[in-house]
Amino acid sequence: MTEPRFEEAMSRLEELVKRLEGGDLSLDESLEVFEEGIKLSRWCIKKLEEAERKVEVLLKTEAGELEVKPLDFTEELGELYNG
C-alpha cells in the first residue's frame, strides 16, 4: 500500500470530520471513523514535523547555528536567480 500525499490525507480527514458531525453514524461506525481520523491526524502531524526539521536544516547558517526567520519565497527565489 502506497503512502498518501499530505493533501490527500488532509482531505480524507476533512471528510471524516464531516461524517462525524453529520450524526448519522451508529456508535460502531462513529468509532471506526474516529479511529481512522486519529491515525490520519497523527500521520499528518508526523509529516509536518518532518517538513519542519528539513526547513530548519536548510536555514542553518554556515556556522551551524539555526537562523530563524520568516520564509519569504520572493527573496529566496531572487537569491537563487541572482546569486
PDB file of N, CA and C in Angstrom:
ATOM      1  N   MET A   1       0.846  -1.193   0.000  1.00  0.00           N
ATOM      2  CA  MET A   1       0.000   0.000   0.000  1.00  0.00           C
ATOM      3  C   MET A   1       0.884   1.247   0.000  1.00  0.00           C
ATOM      4  N   THR A   2       0.643   2.159  -0.921  1.00  0.00           N
ATOM      5  CA  THR A   2       1.461   3.365  -1.012  1.00  0.00           C
ATOM      6  C   THR A   2       0.959   4.404  -0.007  1.00  0.00           C
ATOM      7  N   GLU A   3       1.880   5.211   0.428  1.00  0.00           N
ATOM      8  CA  GLU A   3       1.569   6.258   1.392  1.00  0.00           C
ATOM      9  C   GLU A   3       0.851   7.404   0.686  1.00  0.00           C
ATOM     10  N   PRO A   4      -0.215   7.940   1.305  1.00  0.00           N
ATOM     11  CA  PRO A   4      -0.936   9.036   0.645  1.00  0.00           C
ATOM     12  C   PRO A   4      -0.114  10.322   0.669  1.00  0.00           C
ATOM     13  N   ARG A   5      -0.456  11.230  -0.204  1.00  0.00           N
ATOM     14  CA  ARG A   5       0.138  12.559  -0.152  1.00  0.00           C
ATOM     15  C   ARG A   5      -0.485  13.295   1.023  1.00  0.00           C
ATOM     16  N   PHE A   6       0.224  14.268   1.554  1.00  0.00           N
ATOM     17  CA  PHE A   6      -0.260  15.019   2.711  1.00  0.00           C
ATOM     18  C   PHE A   6      -1.625  15.642   2.421  1.00  0.00           C
ATOM     19  N   GLU A   7      -1.758  16.231   1.232  1.00  0.00           N
ATOM     20  CA  GLU A   7      -3.017  16.899   0.875  1.00  0.00           C
ATOM     21  C   GLU A   7      -4.171  15.908   0.797  1.00  0.00           C
ATOM     22  N   GLU A   8      -3.886  14.709   0.309  1.00  0.00           N
ATOM     23  CA  GLU A   8      -4.922  13.673   0.251  1.00  0.00           C
ATOM     24  C   GLU A   8      -5.347  13.248   1.657  1.00  0.00           C
ATOM     25  N   ALA A   9      -4.376  13.116   2.545  1.00  0.00           N
ATOM     26  CA  ALA A   9      -4.678  12.738   3.920  1.00  0.00           C
ATOM     27  C   ALA A   9      -5.520  13.815   4.609  1.00  0.00           C
ATOM     28  N   MET A  10      -5.180  15.071   4.367  1.00  0.00           N
ATOM     29  CA  MET A  10      -5.956  16.163   4.974  1.00  0.00           C
ATOM     30  C   MET A  10      -7.375  16.197   4.422  1.00  0.00           C
ATOM     31  N   SER A  11      -7.517  15.950   3.140  1.00  0.00           N
ATOM     32  CA  SER A  11      -8.840  15.915   2.522  1.00  0.00           C
ATOM     33  C   SER A  11      -9.681  14.788   3.120  1.00  0.00           C
ATOM     34  N   ARG A  12      -9.064  13.618   3.274  1.00  0.00           N
ATOM     35  CA  ARG A  12      -9.768  12.485   3.875  1.00  0.00           C
ATOM     36  C   ARG A  12     -10.145  12.804   5.309  1.00  0.00           C
ATOM     37  N   LEU A  13      -9.285  13.450   6.036  1.00  0.00           N
ATOM     38  CA  LEU A  13      -9.567  13.837   7.417  1.00  0.00           C
ATOM     39  C   LEU A  13     -10.764  14.777   7.479  1.00  0.00           C
ATOM     40  N   GLU A  14     -10.840  15.721   6.555  1.00  0.00           N
ATOM     41  CA  GLU A  14     -11.993  16.625   6.491  1.00  0.00           C
ATOM     42  C   GLU A  14     -13.281  15.856   6.232  1.00  0.00           C
ATOM     43  N   GLU A  15     -13.211  14.865   5.344  1.00  0.00           N
ATOM     44  CA  GLU A  15     -14.392  14.032   5.060  1.00  0.00           C
ATOM     45  C   GLU A  15     -14.850  13.298   6.316  1.00  0.00           C
ATOM     46  N   LEU A  16     -13.891  12.759   7.056  1.00  0.00           N
ATOM     47  CA  LEU A  16     -14.223  12.025   8.273  1.00  0.00           C
ATOM     48  C   LEU A  16     -14.878  12.928   9.311  1.00  0.00           C
ATOM     49  N   VAL A  17     -14.364  14.130   9.445  1.00  0.00           N
ATOM     50  CA  VAL A  17     -14.939  15.087  10.396  1.00  0.00           C
ATOM     51  C   VAL A  17     -16.385  15.405  10.007  1.00  0.00           C
ATOM     52  N   LYS A  18     -16.628  15.618   8.723  1.00  0.00           N
ATOM     53  CA  LYS A  18     -17.993  15.903   8.258  1.00  0.00           C
ATOM     54  C   LYS A  18     -18.933  14.743   8.556  1.00  0.00           C
ATOM     55  N   ARG A  19     -18.433  13.517   8.350  1.00  0.00           N
ATOM     56  CA  ARG A  19     -19.261  12.340   8.643  1.00  0.00           C
ATOM     57  C   ARG A  19     -19.604  12.276  10.124  1.00  0.00           C
ATOM     58  N   LEU A  20     -18.625  12.545  10.964  1.00  0.00           N
ATOM     59  CA  LEU A  20     -18.873  12.518  12.405  1.00  0.00           C
ATOM     60  C   LEU A  20     -19.830  13.629  12.824  1.00  0.00           C
ATOM     61  N   GLU A  21     -19.663  14.800  12.250  1.00  0.00           N
ATOM     62  CA  GLU A  21     -20.525  15.929  12.583  1.00  0.00           C
ATOM     63  C   GLU A  21     -21.949  15.718  12.077  1.00  0.00           C
ATOM     64  N   GLY A  22     -22.102  14.914  11.014  1.00  0.00           N
ATOM     65  CA  GLY A  22     -23.431  14.661  10.457  1.00  0.00           C
ATOM     66  C   GLY A  22     -24.354  13.954  11.420  1.00  0.00           C
ATOM     67  N   GLY A  23     -23.805  13.159  12.308  1.00  0.00           N
ATOM     68  CA  GLY A  23     -24.619  12.492  13.318  1.00  0.00           C
ATOM     69  C   GLY A  23     -25.435  11.320  12.807  1.00  0.00           C
ATOM     70  N   ASP A  24     -25.189  10.853  11.593  1.00  0.00           N
ATOM     71  CA  ASP A  24     -25.971   9.770  11.007  1.00  0.00           C
ATOM     72  C   ASP A  24     -25.334   8.396  11.206  1.00  0.00           C
ATOM     73  N   LEU A  25     -24.208   8.336  11.884  1.00  0.00           N
ATOM     74  CA  LEU A  25     -23.486   7.080  12.037  1.00  0.00           C
ATOM     75  C   LEU A  25     -23.897   6.364  13.327  1.00  0.00           C
ATOM     76  N   SER A  26     -23.832   5.049  13.281  1.00  0.00           N
ATOM     77  CA  SER A  26     -24.056   4.275  14.503  1.00  0.00           C
ATOM     78  C   SER A  26     -22.842   4.462  15.410  1.00  0.00           C
ATOM     79  N   LEU A  27     -22.938   3.981  16.615  1.00  0.00           N
ATOM     80  CA  LEU A  27     -21.817   4.095  17.546  1.00  0.00           C
ATOM     81  C   LEU A  27     -20.594   3.364  16.997  1.00  0.00           C
ATOM     82  N   ASP A  28     -20.785   2.147  16.482  1.00  0.00           N
ATOM     83  CA  ASP A  28     -19.667   1.384  15.934  1.00  0.00           C
ATOM     84  C   ASP A  28     -19.040   2.101  14.738  1.00  0.00           C
ATOM     85  N   GLU A  29     -19.875   2.633  13.851  1.00  0.00           N
ATOM     86  CA  GLU A  29     -19.363   3.366  12.688  1.00  0.00           C
ATOM     87  C   GLU A  29     -18.617   4.618  13.133  1.00  0.00           C
ATOM     88  N   SER A  30     -19.176   5.300  14.115  1.00  0.00           N
ATOM     89  CA  SER A  30     -18.526   6.512  14.634  1.00  0.00           C
ATOM     90  C   SER A  30     -17.151   6.189  15.196  1.00  0.00           C
ATOM     91  N   LEU A  31     -17.048   5.090  15.924  1.00  0.00           N
ATOM     92  CA  LEU A  31     -15.755   4.703  16.486  1.00  0.00           C
ATOM     93  C   LEU A  31     -14.754   4.348  15.400  1.00  0.00           C
ATOM     94  N   GLU A  32     -15.199   3.672  14.356  1.00  0.00           N
ATOM     95  CA  GLU A  32     -14.306   3.343  13.237  1.00  0.00           C
ATOM     96  C   GLU A  32     -13.820   4.599  12.534  1.00  0.00           C
ATOM     97  N   VAL A  33     -14.741   5.521  12.272  1.00  0.00           N
ATOM     98  CA  VAL A  33     -14.378   6.771  11.599  1.00  0.00           C
ATOM     99  C   VAL A  33     -13.449   7.589  12.487  1.00  0.00           C
ATOM    100  N   PHE A  34     -13.742   7.625  13.781  1.00  0.00           N
ATOM    101  CA  PHE A  34     -12.906   8.363  14.721  1.00  0.00           C
ATOM    102  C   PHE A  34     -11.501   7.769  14.764  1.00  0.00           C
ATOM    103  N   GLU A  35     -11.409   6.443  14.796  1.00  0.00           N
ATOM    104  CA  GLU A  35     -10.108   5.775  14.822  1.00  0.00           C
ATOM    105  C   GLU A  35      -9.301   6.093  13.567  1.00  0.00           C
ATOM    106  N   GLU A  36      -9.944   6.049  12.412  1.00  0.00           N
ATOM    107  CA  GLU A  36      -9.247   6.391  11.175  1.00  0.00           C
ATOM    108  C   GLU A  36      -8.778   7.842  11.214  1.00  0.00           C
ATOM    109  N   GLY A  37      -9.631   8.719  11.736  1.00  0.00           N
ATOM    110  CA  GLY A  37      -9.267  10.129  11.833  1.00  0.00           C
ATOM    111  C   GLY A  37      -8.075  10.362  12.742  1.00  0.00           C
ATOM    112  N   ILE A  38      -8.029   9.655  13.860  1.00  0.00           N
ATOM    113  CA  ILE A  38      -6.895   9.793  14.781  1.00  0.00           C
ATOM    114  C   ILE A  38      -5.607   9.326  14.102  1.00  0.00           C
ATOM    115  N   LYS A  39      -5.676   8.194  13.413  1.00  0.00           N
ATOM    116  CA  LYS A  39      -4.489   7.687  12.706  1.00  0.00           C
ATOM    117  C   LYS A  39      -4.013   8.687  11.655  1.00  0.00           C
ATOM    118  N   LEU A  40      -4.968   9.236  10.894  1.00  0.00           N
ATOM    119  CA  LEU A  40      -4.602  10.216   9.870  1.00  0.00           C
ATOM    120  C   LEU A  40      -4.019  11.483  10.480  1.00  0.00           C
ATOM    121  N   SER A  41      -4.619  11.965  11.559  1.00  0.00           N
ATOM    122  CA  SER A  41      -4.118  13.204  12.171  1.00  0.00           C
ATOM    123  C   SER A  41      -2.716  13.001  12.723  1.00  0.00           C
ATOM    124  N   ARG A  42      -2.449  11.839  13.310  1.00  0.00           N
ATOM    125  CA  ARG A  42      -1.095  11.555  13.801  1.00  0.00           C
ATOM    126  C   ARG A  42      -0.108  11.479  12.644  1.00  0.00           C
ATOM    127  N   TRP A  43      -0.522  10.871  11.537  1.00  0.00           N
ATOM    128  CA  TRP A  43       0.342  10.770  10.367  1.00  0.00           C
ATOM    129  C   TRP A  43       0.651  12.163   9.826  1.00  0.00           C
ATOM    130  N   CYS A  44      -0.383  13.015   9.758  1.00  0.00           N
ATOM    131  CA  CYS A  44      -0.191  14.384   9.249  1.00  0.00           C
ATOM    132  C   CYS A  44       0.745  15.172  10.157  1.00  0.00           C
ATOM    133  N   ILE A  45       0.578  15.033  11.458  1.00  0.00           N
ATOM    134  CA  ILE A  45       1.459  15.729  12.402  1.00  0.00           C
ATOM    135  C   ILE A  45       2.899  15.276  12.204  1.00  0.00           C
ATOM    136  N   LYS A  46       3.099  13.967  12.030  1.00  0.00           N
ATOM    137  CA  LYS A  46       4.440  13.428  11.793  1.00  0.00           C
ATOM    138  C   LYS A  46       5.048  14.035  10.533  1.00  0.00           C
ATOM    139  N   LYS A  47       4.260  14.112   9.461  1.00  0.00           N
ATOM    140  CA  LYS A  47       4.761  14.669   8.206  1.00  0.00           C
ATOM    141  C   LYS A  47       5.108  16.154   8.360  1.00  0.00           C
ATOM    142  N   LEU A  48       4.286  16.898   9.080  1.00  0.00           N
ATOM    143  CA  LEU A  48       4.567  18.319   9.313  1.00  0.00           C
ATOM    144  C   LEU A  48       5.848  18.498  10.124  1.00  0.00           C
ATOM    145  N   GLU A  49       6.044  17.647  11.123  1.00  0.00           N
ATOM    146  CA  GLU A  49       7.260  17.726  11.926  1.00  0.00           C
ATOM    147  C   GLU A  49       8.494  17.402  11.078  1.00  0.00           C
ATOM    148  N   GLU A  50       8.376  16.408  10.190  1.00  0.00           N
ATOM    149  CA  GLU A  50       9.487  16.074   9.292  1.00  0.00           C
ATOM    150  C   GLU A  50       9.808  17.254   8.376  1.00  0.00           C
ATOM    151  N   ALA A  51       8.778  17.884   7.852  1.00  0.00           N
ATOM    152  CA  ALA A  51       8.990  19.039   6.975  1.00  0.00           C
ATOM    153  C   ALA A  51       9.640  20.182   7.744  1.00  0.00           C
ATOM    154  N   GLU A  52       9.215  20.388   8.978  1.00  0.00           N
ATOM    155  CA  GLU A  52       9.802  21.450   9.797  1.00  0.00           C
ATOM    156  C   GLU A  52      11.288  21.200  10.028  1.00  0.00           C
ATOM    157  N   ARG A  53      11.659  19.947  10.305  1.00  0.00           N
ATOM    158  CA  ARG A  53      13.075  19.624  10.503  1.00  0.00           C
ATOM    159  C   ARG A  53      13.880  19.876   9.230  1.00  0.00           C
ATOM    160  N   LYS A  54      13.307  19.558   8.086  1.00  0.00           N
ATOM    161  CA  LYS A  54      14.009  19.807   6.824  1.00  0.00           C
ATOM    162  C   LYS A  54      14.223  21.295   6.599  1.00  0.00           C
ATOM    163  N   VAL A  55      13.216  22.090   6.906  1.00  0.00           N
ATOM    164  CA  VAL A  55      13.332  23.542   6.753  1.00  0.00           C
ATOM    165  C   VAL A  55      14.402  24.078   7.695  1.00  0.00           C
ATOM    166  N   GLU A  56      14.415  23.560   8.933  1.00  0.00           N
ATOM    167  CA  GLU A  56      15.425  24.011   9.890  1.00  0.00           C
ATOM    168  C   GLU A  56      16.833  23.699   9.384  1.00  0.00           C
ATOM    169  N   VAL A  57      17.032  22.548   8.797  1.00  0.00           N
ATOM    170  CA  VAL A  57      18.344  22.194   8.250  1.00  0.00           C
ATOM    171  C   VAL A  57      18.716  23.170   7.146  1.00  0.00           C
ATOM    172  N   LEU A  58      17.771  23.506   6.317  1.00  0.00           N
ATOM    173  CA  LEU A  58      18.041  24.428   5.222  1.00  0.00           C
ATOM    174  C   LEU A  58      18.335  25.841   5.712  1.00  0.00           C
ATOM    175  N   LEU A  59      17.842  26.186   6.903  1.00  0.00           N
ATOM    176  CA  LEU A  59      18.037  27.537   7.421  1.00  0.00           C
ATOM    177  C   LEU A  59      19.268  27.669   8.316  1.00  0.00           C
ATOM    178  N   LYS A  60      20.012  26.595   8.519  1.00  0.00           N
ATOM    179  CA  LYS A  60      21.205  26.683   9.358  1.00  0.00           C
ATOM    180  C   LYS A  60      22.243  27.563   8.672  1.00  0.00           C
ATOM    181  N   THR A  61      22.926  28.343   9.484  1.00  0.00           N
ATOM    182  CA  THR A  61      23.988  29.206   8.958  1.00  0.00           C
ATOM    183  C   THR A  61      25.233  28.359   8.691  1.00  0.00           C
ATOM    184  N   GLU A  62      26.226  28.954   8.090  1.00  0.00           N
ATOM    185  CA  GLU A  62      27.472  28.239   7.818  1.00  0.00           C
ATOM    186  C   GLU A  62      28.152  27.801   9.115  1.00  0.00           C
ATOM    187  N   ALA A  63      27.884  28.534  10.200  1.00  0.00           N
ATOM    188  CA  ALA A  63      28.462  28.189  11.500  1.00  0.00           C
ATOM    189  C   ALA A  63      27.679  27.068  12.179  1.00  0.00           C
ATOM    190  N   GLY A  64      26.606  26.615  11.553  1.00  0.00           N
ATOM    191  CA  GLY A  64      25.807  25.529  12.109  1.00  0.00           C
ATOM    192  C   GLY A  64      24.707  25.981  13.043  1.00  0.00           C
ATOM    193  N   GLU A  65      24.553  27.294  13.198  1.00  0.00           N
ATOM    194  CA  GLU A  65      23.506  27.817  14.066  1.00  0.00           C
ATOM    195  C   GLU A  65      22.217  27.963  13.269  1.00  0.00           C
ATOM    196  N   LEU A  66      21.115  27.737  13.956  1.00  0.00           N
ATOM    197  CA  LEU A  66      19.817  27.865  13.309  1.00  0.00           C
ATOM    198  C   LEU A  66      19.438  29.334  13.242  1.00  0.00           C
ATOM    199  N   GLU A  67      19.207  29.796  12.041  1.00  0.00           N
ATOM    200  CA  GLU A  67      18.797  31.179  11.839  1.00  0.00           C
ATOM    201  C   GLU A  67      17.293  31.155  11.587  1.00  0.00           C
ATOM    202  N   VAL A  68      16.540  31.617  12.573  1.00  0.00           N
ATOM    203  CA  VAL A  68      15.095  31.591  12.460  1.00  0.00           C
ATOM    204  C   VAL A  68      14.635  32.907  11.847  1.00  0.00           C
ATOM    205  N   LYS A  69      13.969  32.785  10.721  1.00  0.00           N
ATOM    206  CA  LYS A  69      13.434  33.959  10.056  1.00  0.00           C
ATOM    207  C   LYS A  69      12.219  33.522   9.251  1.00  0.00           C
ATOM    208  N   PRO A  70      11.289  34.425   9.027  1.00  0.00           N
ATOM    209  CA  PRO A  70      10.128  34.044   8.216  1.00  0.00           C
ATOM    210  C   PRO A  70      10.554  33.743   6.793  1.00  0.00           C
ATOM    211  N   LEU A  71       9.897  32.773   6.194  1.00  0.00           N
ATOM    212  CA  LEU A  71      10.207  32.429   4.815  1.00  0.00           C
ATOM    213  C   LEU A  71       9.603  33.456   3.877  1.00  0.00           C
ATOM    214  N   ASP A  72      10.440  34.064   3.087  1.00  0.00           N
ATOM    215  CA  ASP A  72       9.996  34.999   2.064  1.00  0.00           C
ATOM    216  C   ASP A  72      10.410  34.386   0.731  1.00  0.00           C
ATOM    217  N   PHE A  73       9.454  33.720   0.092  1.00  0.00           N
ATOM    218  CA  PHE A  73       9.782  32.986  -1.120  1.00  0.00           C
ATOM    219  C   PHE A  73      10.270  33.892  -2.242  1.00  0.00           C
ATOM    220  N   THR A  74       9.784  35.117  -2.307  1.00  0.00           N
ATOM    221  CA  THR A  74      10.255  36.002  -3.371  1.00  0.00           C
ATOM    222  C   THR A  74      11.727  36.349  -3.144  1.00  0.00           C
ATOM    223  N   GLU A  75      12.103  36.552  -1.888  1.00  0.00           N
ATOM    224  CA  GLU A  75      13.504  36.842  -1.567  1.00  0.00           C
ATOM    225  C   GLU A  75      14.377  35.629  -1.869  1.00  0.00           C
ATOM    226  N   GLU A  76      13.933  34.445  -1.452  1.00  0.00           N
ATOM    227  CA  GLU A  76      14.696  33.226  -1.692  1.00  0.00           C
ATOM    228  C   GLU A  76      14.861  32.954  -3.186  1.00  0.00           C
ATOM    229  N   LEU A  77      13.805  33.118  -3.960  1.00  0.00           N
ATOM    230  CA  LEU A  77      13.884  32.906  -5.395  1.00  0.00           C
ATOM    231  C   LEU A  77      14.800  33.928  -6.053  1.00  0.00           C
ATOM    232  N   GLY A  78      14.739  35.173  -5.584  1.00  0.00           N
ATOM    233  CA  GLY A  78      15.609  36.213  -6.123  1.00  0.00           C
ATOM    234  C   GLY A  78      17.071  35.861  -5.920  1.00  0.00           C
ATOM    235  N   GLU A  79      17.397  35.326  -4.727  1.00  0.00           N
ATOM    236  CA  GLU A  79      18.773  34.929  -4.450  1.00  0.00           C
ATOM    237  C   GLU A  79      19.205  33.788  -5.358  1.00  0.00           C
ATOM    238  N   LEU A  80      18.302  32.866  -5.609  1.00  0.00           N
ATOM    239  CA  LEU A  80      18.637  31.749  -6.498  1.00  0.00           C
ATOM    240  C   LEU A  80      18.954  32.220  -7.897  1.00  0.00           C
ATOM    241  N   TYR A  81      18.154  33.149  -8.407  1.00  0.00           N
ATOM    242  CA  TYR A  81      18.339  33.609  -9.788  1.00  0.00           C
ATOM    243  C   TYR A  81      19.459  34.635  -9.908  1.00  0.00           C
ATOM    244  N   ASN A  82      19.689  35.405  -8.841  1.00  0.00           N
ATOM    245  CA  ASN A  82      20.695  36.461  -8.919  1.00  0.00           C
ATOM    246  C   ASN A  82      22.034  36.045  -8.316  1.00  0.00           C
ATOM    247  N   GLY A  83      22.013  34.986  -7.511  1.00  0.00           N
ATOM    248  CA  GLY A  83      23.204  34.665  -6.743  1.00  0.00           C
ATOM    249  C   GLY A  83      24.076  33.661  -7.310  1.00  0.00           C
TER     250      GLY A  83
END
